[in-house]
Protein backbone atom coordinates (compact mmCIF):
# COMPACT_ATOMS: atom_id res chain seq x y z
CA MET A 1 61.25 -109.09 44.86
CA SER A 2 58.05 -107.64 42.93
CA LEU A 3 54.80 -107.38 44.54
CA LEU A 4 52.51 -105.92 41.69
CA ALA A 5 49.15 -104.78 42.88
CA GLN A 6 48.54 -106.03 46.16
CA LYS A 7 44.95 -106.50 46.93
CA ASN A 8 43.58 -103.78 49.27
CA THR A 9 42.85 -104.55 53.10
CA THR A 10 39.31 -103.45 54.32
CA ASP A 11 39.53 -101.44 57.51
CA GLY A 12 35.95 -100.28 57.91
CA PRO A 13 32.46 -101.39 56.63
CA VAL A 14 32.02 -102.43 53.37
CA LEU A 15 28.79 -101.75 51.20
CA VAL A 16 28.32 -104.69 48.65
CA GLY A 17 28.32 -103.39 45.17
CA ALA A 18 29.84 -99.96 45.92
CA HIS A 19 33.25 -101.10 46.41
CA THR A 20 35.12 -102.62 43.59
CA ASP A 21 36.97 -105.92 44.88
CA SER A 22 37.31 -107.80 41.82
CA ALA A 23 40.59 -109.68 40.68
CA GLU A 24 40.33 -107.41 37.45
CA ALA A 25 40.25 -104.35 39.70
CA PHE A 26 43.55 -105.22 41.14
CA VAL A 27 45.57 -106.42 38.41
CA PRO A 28 46.92 -103.59 36.07
CA ASP A 29 47.66 -104.33 32.59
CA GLN A 30 51.25 -103.43 32.86
CA SER A 31 53.90 -101.89 35.82
CA ARG A 32 53.57 -98.11 36.13
CA ALA A 33 57.11 -97.87 34.97
CA GLU A 34 56.19 -99.15 31.39
CA ARG A 35 53.68 -96.65 30.55
CA THR A 36 53.66 -94.22 28.04
CA THR A 37 54.87 -90.40 28.49
CA SER A 38 55.56 -88.40 25.76
CA TYR A 39 55.40 -85.07 24.11
CA ALA A 40 53.85 -86.11 20.88
CA VAL A 41 50.16 -86.01 20.53
CA ALA A 42 50.14 -88.76 18.16
CA ASP A 43 51.72 -91.19 20.79
CA PHE A 44 48.30 -91.17 22.70
CA PRO A 45 45.33 -92.51 20.52
CA VAL A 46 41.81 -91.09 21.81
CA PRO A 47 40.57 -93.25 24.46
CA SER A 48 37.98 -95.98 23.98
CA GLY A 49 37.15 -96.74 27.82
CA ARG A 50 38.82 -99.97 27.37
CA GLU A 51 42.25 -99.00 28.38
CA GLU A 52 43.33 -99.52 32.08
CA ASP A 53 43.65 -95.78 32.58
CA TRP A 54 40.39 -94.83 31.39
CA ARG A 55 37.94 -97.88 32.13
CA PHE A 56 36.12 -96.13 34.80
CA THR A 57 35.80 -92.70 32.95
CA PRO A 58 32.90 -91.64 30.63
CA VAL A 59 35.12 -91.08 27.70
CA ASP A 60 32.14 -90.47 25.07
CA ARG A 61 31.71 -87.38 27.06
CA LEU A 62 34.97 -86.07 26.95
CA ARG A 63 35.42 -86.03 23.01
CA ALA A 64 36.06 -82.20 22.79
CA LEU A 65 39.30 -82.60 25.08
CA PHE A 66 40.43 -85.24 23.07
CA ALA A 67 40.37 -83.34 19.68
CA GLU A 68 43.36 -81.15 18.43
CA ALA A 69 41.55 -77.82 18.77
CA ASP A 70 42.75 -74.56 20.07
CA GLY A 71 40.74 -73.24 23.21
CA THR A 72 40.29 -69.95 24.78
CA PRO A 73 42.24 -69.20 27.94
CA LEU A 74 40.07 -69.23 31.29
CA ARG A 75 39.91 -65.94 33.14
CA ARG A 76 42.91 -65.65 35.57
CA ASP A 77 43.21 -63.72 38.90
CA GLU A 78 46.36 -63.59 40.56
CA SER A 79 47.39 -62.45 44.24
CA LEU A 80 51.21 -62.94 44.42
CA PRO A 81 53.21 -61.74 47.53
CA ASP A 82 56.20 -60.14 47.00
CA GLY A 83 59.10 -61.53 45.58
CA VAL A 84 56.93 -64.18 43.51
CA THR A 85 56.90 -63.50 39.82
CA VAL A 86 54.76 -64.75 36.85
CA SER A 87 56.40 -65.14 33.44
CA SER A 88 55.90 -67.52 30.32
CA ILE A 89 58.51 -70.01 28.81
CA SER A 90 58.92 -71.52 25.28
CA ARG A 91 57.83 -75.22 24.76
CA GLU A 92 61.51 -76.09 24.00
CA GLU A 93 62.52 -74.20 27.50
CA TRP A 94 59.84 -76.29 29.27
CA GLN A 95 60.84 -79.59 27.85
CA GLY A 96 64.41 -78.94 29.03
CA SER A 97 63.31 -77.89 32.53
CA GLY A 98 63.06 -81.07 34.26
CA ALA A 99 59.36 -81.15 34.35
CA PRO A 100 57.77 -84.54 33.56
CA LYS A 101 56.23 -85.40 30.37
CA PRO A 102 52.83 -85.68 29.58
CA ALA A 103 51.26 -88.86 30.46
CA ASP A 104 47.59 -88.98 28.61
CA ARG A 105 46.36 -87.76 25.44
CA ALA A 106 44.47 -84.69 27.61
CA ALA A 107 47.52 -83.57 29.06
CA VAL A 108 49.56 -83.61 26.13
CA ILE A 109 46.80 -81.70 24.04
CA ALA A 110 47.19 -79.38 27.10
CA ALA A 111 50.88 -79.02 26.60
CA ALA A 112 50.41 -78.65 22.74
CA ARG A 113 47.42 -76.28 22.45
CA ALA A 114 47.87 -74.00 25.35
CA ALA A 115 48.08 -70.47 24.54
CA SER A 116 51.48 -70.03 26.76
CA ILE A 117 53.19 -71.69 29.51
CA SER A 118 52.74 -69.73 32.48
CA VAL A 119 55.44 -70.07 34.78
CA LEU A 120 55.38 -69.26 38.69
CA ASP A 121 58.54 -68.45 40.30
CA ILE A 122 59.14 -68.58 44.00
CA PRO A 123 62.64 -67.50 44.53
CA ALA A 124 65.28 -69.69 46.84
CA GLU A 125 65.00 -69.03 50.51
CA THR A 126 61.98 -67.04 50.48
CA GLU A 127 59.49 -67.75 53.27
CA LEU A 128 56.01 -66.44 52.47
CA THR A 129 53.82 -65.45 55.48
CA GLU A 130 50.97 -65.36 52.99
CA PRO A 131 49.61 -67.89 50.21
CA VAL A 132 50.05 -67.63 46.37
CA ARG A 133 46.42 -67.46 45.09
CA LEU A 134 45.46 -68.36 41.61
CA VAL A 135 41.86 -68.40 40.45
CA LEU A 136 40.67 -69.84 37.33
CA THR A 137 36.99 -69.03 36.21
CA GLY A 138 35.26 -70.46 33.07
CA ASP A 139 32.67 -68.97 30.89
CA GLY A 140 31.63 -71.99 29.26
CA VAL A 141 34.26 -72.46 26.62
CA LEU A 142 36.91 -75.02 25.46
CA SER A 143 40.33 -74.22 27.29
CA HIS A 144 43.50 -75.63 27.44
CA GLY A 145 45.87 -74.51 30.54
CA HIS A 146 49.75 -75.60 31.07
CA THR A 147 51.23 -74.03 34.31
CA VAL A 148 55.01 -74.69 35.83
CA ILE A 149 55.38 -73.83 39.63
CA ARG A 150 59.17 -73.64 40.36
CA VAL A 151 60.24 -73.43 43.98
CA GLY A 152 63.84 -72.53 44.57
CA ASN A 153 66.17 -74.15 47.44
CA PHE A 154 65.22 -73.96 50.83
CA ALA A 155 61.85 -71.73 50.22
CA LYS A 156 58.75 -71.95 52.16
CA ALA A 157 55.45 -71.49 50.39
CA THR A 158 51.76 -72.42 50.15
CA ILE A 159 50.15 -72.08 46.47
CA VAL A 160 46.18 -72.14 46.54
CA LEU A 161 44.96 -73.09 42.97
CA ARG A 162 41.05 -72.35 42.41
CA HIS A 163 38.75 -73.36 39.54
CA GLU A 164 35.27 -71.98 39.29
CA GLY A 165 32.26 -71.46 36.74
CA ASP A 166 31.78 -73.62 33.70
CA ALA A 167 34.25 -75.09 31.04
CA GLN A 168 35.76 -77.87 28.98
CA TYR A 169 38.93 -77.77 30.44
CA SER A 170 42.44 -79.86 30.11
CA GLU A 171 45.22 -79.03 32.26
CA LEU A 172 49.06 -79.57 32.76
CA LEU A 173 50.42 -78.73 35.92
CA SER A 174 54.10 -78.97 36.86
CA VAL A 175 55.54 -78.17 40.35
CA VAL A 176 59.27 -78.48 40.61
CA VAL A 177 60.27 -78.18 44.16
CA GLY A 178 64.39 -77.44 45.07
CA ASP A 179 66.09 -79.40 47.64
CA GLY A 180 65.40 -78.66 51.14
CA ALA A 181 62.02 -76.17 50.32
CA ASP A 182 58.82 -76.75 52.04
CA VAL A 183 55.37 -76.37 49.80
CA THR A 184 51.83 -77.12 50.29
CA VAL A 185 49.66 -76.99 46.81
CA VAL A 186 46.20 -76.62 47.10
CA THR A 187 43.82 -77.49 44.14
CA VAL A 188 39.79 -76.65 44.60
CA GLN A 189 37.61 -77.91 42.09
CA GLU A 190 34.28 -75.84 42.45
CA TRP A 191 32.99 -75.89 39.00
CA ALA A 192 29.42 -75.62 37.92
CA ASP A 193 27.72 -79.08 37.45
CA THR A 194 28.07 -78.82 33.42
CA ALA A 195 31.83 -78.33 33.74
CA LEU A 196 34.28 -80.78 32.50
CA HIS A 197 38.12 -80.80 33.90
CA LEU A 198 40.79 -83.00 32.96
CA GLY A 199 43.94 -82.48 34.90
CA GLN A 200 47.68 -83.66 35.27
CA HIS A 201 49.41 -82.51 38.11
CA ASP A 202 53.06 -83.64 38.19
CA VAL A 203 55.17 -82.75 41.61
CA VAL A 204 59.03 -83.11 41.54
CA VAL A 205 60.41 -83.47 45.13
CA GLY A 206 64.00 -82.16 45.65
CA ARG A 207 66.39 -83.62 47.92
CA ASP A 208 65.52 -83.59 51.66
CA ALA A 209 62.24 -81.21 50.43
CA THR A 210 58.70 -81.72 51.84
CA VAL A 211 55.74 -81.01 49.40
CA ARG A 212 52.04 -81.76 50.19
CA HIS A 213 49.54 -81.72 47.35
CA ILE A 214 45.76 -81.06 48.50
CA ALA A 215 42.80 -81.96 46.08
CA VAL A 216 39.25 -80.81 47.28
CA THR A 217 36.69 -81.25 44.35
CA LEU A 218 32.83 -80.29 45.22
CA GLY A 219 31.63 -79.77 41.69
CA GLY A 220 31.57 -80.49 38.00
CA GLY A 221 29.95 -82.77 35.69
CA ILE A 222 33.18 -84.88 35.03
CA VAL A 223 36.59 -83.91 36.81
CA ARG A 224 39.49 -86.48 36.51
CA LEU A 225 42.79 -85.44 38.32
CA ASN A 226 45.98 -87.45 37.68
CA THR A 227 48.51 -86.52 40.58
CA ASN A 228 51.98 -88.01 39.82
CA ALA A 229 54.90 -87.55 42.36
CA SER A 230 58.68 -88.38 41.72
CA TYR A 231 61.79 -87.70 43.50
CA ALA A 232 64.90 -85.76 42.51
CA GLY A 233 67.28 -86.99 45.14
CA PRO A 234 66.96 -88.87 48.93
CA GLY A 235 65.38 -87.70 51.88
CA GLY A 236 62.27 -86.03 50.18
CA SER A 237 58.94 -86.31 51.69
CA PHE A 238 55.86 -86.42 49.58
CA GLU A 239 52.00 -86.13 51.33
CA ALA A 240 48.95 -86.35 49.20
CA LEU A 241 45.74 -85.19 50.61
CA GLY A 242 42.15 -85.07 49.29
CA VAL A 243 38.49 -84.66 49.76
CA TYR A 244 35.89 -85.07 47.39
CA PHE A 245 32.12 -84.60 47.39
CA ALA A 246 29.69 -86.09 44.39
CA ASP A 247 25.93 -85.49 43.92
CA ALA A 248 24.10 -87.11 41.41
CA GLY A 249 25.18 -87.44 37.79
CA GLN A 250 28.63 -86.21 38.92
CA HIS A 251 31.92 -88.15 38.24
CA GLN A 252 34.72 -87.40 40.16
CA GLU A 253 38.10 -89.27 39.45
CA HIS A 254 41.34 -88.94 41.36
CA ARG A 255 44.46 -90.91 40.40
CA LEU A 256 47.61 -90.74 42.39
CA PHE A 257 51.27 -92.45 41.02
CA VAL A 258 54.01 -92.08 43.61
CA ASP A 259 57.46 -93.05 41.81
CA HIS A 260 59.82 -93.98 44.33
CA GLU A 261 63.09 -94.15 42.39
CA ALA A 262 65.45 -92.37 44.85
CA PRO A 263 66.20 -94.07 48.26
CA HIS A 264 65.38 -92.89 51.64
CA CYS A 265 62.21 -91.03 50.70
CA ARG A 266 58.65 -90.85 52.20
CA SER A 267 55.00 -90.68 50.76
CA ASN A 268 51.78 -90.84 52.66
CA VAL A 269 48.25 -90.65 50.70
CA GLU A 270 44.88 -90.10 52.16
CA TYR A 271 41.89 -89.57 50.38
CA LYS A 272 38.11 -89.28 51.82
CA GLY A 273 35.03 -89.05 49.56
CA ALA A 274 31.48 -88.86 50.32
CA LEU A 275 28.78 -89.58 47.54
CA GLN A 276 24.87 -88.85 47.26
CA GLY A 277 22.17 -89.07 44.75
CA ASP A 278 21.42 -91.57 42.01
CA SER A 279 24.41 -92.38 39.61
CA ALA A 280 26.82 -90.22 41.68
CA HIS A 281 30.11 -92.00 41.04
CA THR A 282 33.57 -91.46 42.48
CA VAL A 283 36.95 -93.28 41.66
CA TRP A 284 40.19 -93.15 43.31
CA VAL A 285 43.30 -95.21 42.29
CA GLY A 286 46.02 -95.08 43.97
CA ASP A 287 49.69 -96.52 42.65
CA VAL A 288 52.97 -96.78 44.22
CA LEU A 289 55.89 -97.85 42.63
CA ILE A 290 59.06 -98.56 44.83
CA ARG A 291 61.79 -99.27 42.09
CA ALA A 292 64.89 -101.42 43.06
CA SER A 293 66.97 -98.28 43.69
CA ALA A 294 64.38 -96.99 46.20
CA GLU A 295 66.20 -98.77 49.50
CA GLY A 296 64.60 -97.18 52.55
CA THR A 297 61.26 -96.07 51.22
CA ASP A 298 58.44 -95.67 53.67
CA THR A 299 54.99 -95.40 52.11
CA TYR A 300 51.16 -95.92 52.88
CA GLU A 301 48.18 -95.19 50.97
CA LEU A 302 44.59 -94.57 52.30
CA ASN A 303 41.33 -94.18 50.68
CA ARG A 304 38.14 -94.23 52.50
CA ASN A 305 34.19 -93.39 50.80
CA LEU A 306 30.80 -92.59 52.48
CA ILE A 307 27.72 -93.41 50.54
CA LEU A 308 24.98 -91.28 51.89
CA THR A 309 22.18 -92.20 49.62
CA ASP A 310 20.87 -95.16 47.32
CA GLY A 311 22.55 -95.09 43.47
CA ALA A 312 25.65 -93.97 44.35
CA ARG A 313 28.89 -96.08 43.41
CA ALA A 314 32.24 -95.55 44.30
CA ASP A 315 35.36 -97.34 42.89
CA SER A 316 38.65 -97.56 45.13
CA VAL A 317 41.43 -99.47 43.72
CA PRO A 318 44.72 -99.32 45.89
CA ASN A 319 47.88 -101.04 43.70
CA LEU A 320 51.51 -101.24 45.22
CA GLU A 321 54.58 -102.43 43.31
CA ILE A 322 57.93 -103.34 45.08
CA GLU A 323 61.28 -104.18 43.52
CA THR A 324 63.12 -104.38 46.50
CA GLY A 325 63.01 -105.68 49.71
CA GLU A 326 65.28 -103.45 51.63
CA ILE A 327 62.36 -100.83 52.45
CA ALA A 328 61.27 -99.07 55.80
CA GLY A 329 57.49 -99.78 55.21
CA ALA A 330 54.82 -100.04 52.61
CA GLY A 331 51.06 -100.53 52.69
CA HIS A 332 47.50 -99.52 51.80
CA ALA A 333 44.05 -99.82 52.98
CA SER A 334 40.70 -98.83 51.26
CA ALA A 335 37.18 -98.89 53.06
CA THR A 336 33.89 -97.87 51.69
CA GLY A 337 30.76 -97.80 53.72
CA ARG A 338 27.44 -96.38 55.01
CA PHE A 339 26.97 -94.58 58.17
CA ASP A 340 28.10 -95.93 61.25
CA ASP A 341 25.06 -96.94 63.22
CA GLN A 342 26.48 -96.83 66.47
CA GLN A 343 28.05 -93.39 65.73
CA LEU A 344 24.32 -92.28 64.75
CA PHE A 345 22.76 -94.18 67.98
CA TYR A 346 25.09 -92.29 70.03
CA LEU A 347 24.63 -89.10 68.89
CA GLN A 348 20.64 -89.75 68.94
CA ALA A 349 20.97 -90.95 72.51
CA ARG A 350 21.94 -87.45 73.41
CA GLY A 351 18.91 -85.63 72.10
CA ILE A 352 20.66 -84.73 68.59
CA ASP A 353 18.21 -85.38 65.82
CA GLU A 354 18.71 -87.62 63.09
CA ASP A 355 19.75 -85.19 60.13
CA THR A 356 21.80 -83.03 62.62
CA ALA A 357 23.66 -86.44 63.74
CA ARG A 358 24.26 -87.16 60.01
CA ARG A 359 25.80 -83.76 59.61
CA LEU A 360 27.86 -84.27 62.26
CA VAL A 361 29.21 -87.39 61.33
CA VAL A 362 29.98 -86.23 57.58
CA ARG A 363 31.60 -83.27 59.08
CA GLY A 364 33.99 -85.37 60.98
CA PHE A 365 34.59 -87.92 58.33
CA PHE A 366 35.93 -84.57 56.23
CA ALA A 367 37.30 -82.45 59.20
CA ALA A 368 40.65 -84.69 59.65
CA ILE A 369 41.94 -83.44 56.32
CA VAL A 370 40.57 -80.48 55.84
CA GLY A 371 41.81 -79.14 58.85
CA ARG A 372 45.32 -80.14 57.75
CA ILE A 373 45.29 -77.68 54.67
CA GLY A 374 46.94 -74.80 56.91
CA VAL A 375 44.85 -71.85 55.16
CA PRO A 376 41.81 -70.98 57.48
CA GLU A 377 39.95 -68.99 54.92
CA ILE A 378 39.88 -72.19 52.76
CA GLU A 379 39.43 -74.53 55.65
CA GLU A 380 36.37 -72.49 56.73
CA HIS A 381 35.00 -72.12 53.31
CA LEU A 382 35.09 -75.71 52.53
CA MET A 383 33.45 -76.99 55.57
CA GLU A 384 30.63 -74.48 54.72
CA ALA A 385 30.45 -75.86 51.39
CA ILE A 386 30.14 -79.34 52.77
CA ASP A 387 27.34 -78.55 54.66
CA ARG A 388 25.75 -76.92 51.71
CA GLU A 389 26.07 -80.48 50.12
CA LEU A 390 24.68 -82.41 53.09
CA GLU A 391 21.47 -79.81 53.07
CA ALA A 392 20.86 -81.12 49.68
CA THR A 393 20.87 -84.61 51.42
CA ALA A 394 18.17 -83.66 54.03
């Protein structure tokens, strides 16, 4: 049986014109299994914006990141718990490491033009009590980054990667997780409003391993993150969580691809976004492929968007492709709308003014995901940042 790009179900209020709901939006040009991955830049032409993968993206503003030009590395600060090491490898070693290949032009240029391939190693059976922290800061430069995170068997760790400052930045991040490991990767985008960031994040989930990838995007002129998950053996669990908040003129795009090839694996995707201001634009595309060999798969994906002001647009496209009927479960849902008037009325009837009521509703909207990050200082910082965004709305 093959189900290609099921139309999304709507489990919340829909704002007409803010939610992409056309037949075209739900029928990709080909199966995700057929799309190009390669180490060669020549295999990825410069996007025109007419391609399925780029049709929502303002590609005309990204020409510098599509050119085969060297860049300047971003400033990098590290906080490494005992036992965690950072080294570098050659491109030949990376290509033989089991990390996935680049899947678009920006990613393959990042791999080809990065000054080095940085490797962060967490040894087998290590249980970290403090997060690994990496902070990348831009100073208005063109930059390419290539990082590999290797987590040994039965290790337990949290890695926090933060992006700040201003840059035109293309990034390839590979997270290869060993059998039985338990890993959380948090990536935070708090760029200046002029920054451009194109990223490919690949996660390889080992046998019986548990991996969470959490993306938080609160800044940048254009931020486009492709998060791809695959399974190296049965029994793996992958959870992708995301929070984004777009202001006037910002474009924030999050694309997920979960490739179920191994049997008896699980995935759960949950992204929530808010938009405010003229021409604020968010895009969420969730692709799940359940191959014929992936019997016993259990998967679900959810995207919700909250429109705070006129002039903002949210596109939400969930796709589910199934090649076997022997699965535990598969589904998706998408909703885009304004404030729930009943919630506002309930709060205002109890003496809370309208602006405060709106802030409480939005905080509650995001808190369900932010509270699952598991790093208290990050959770507190993000809720404060969301409050600052809401002050601009008021």
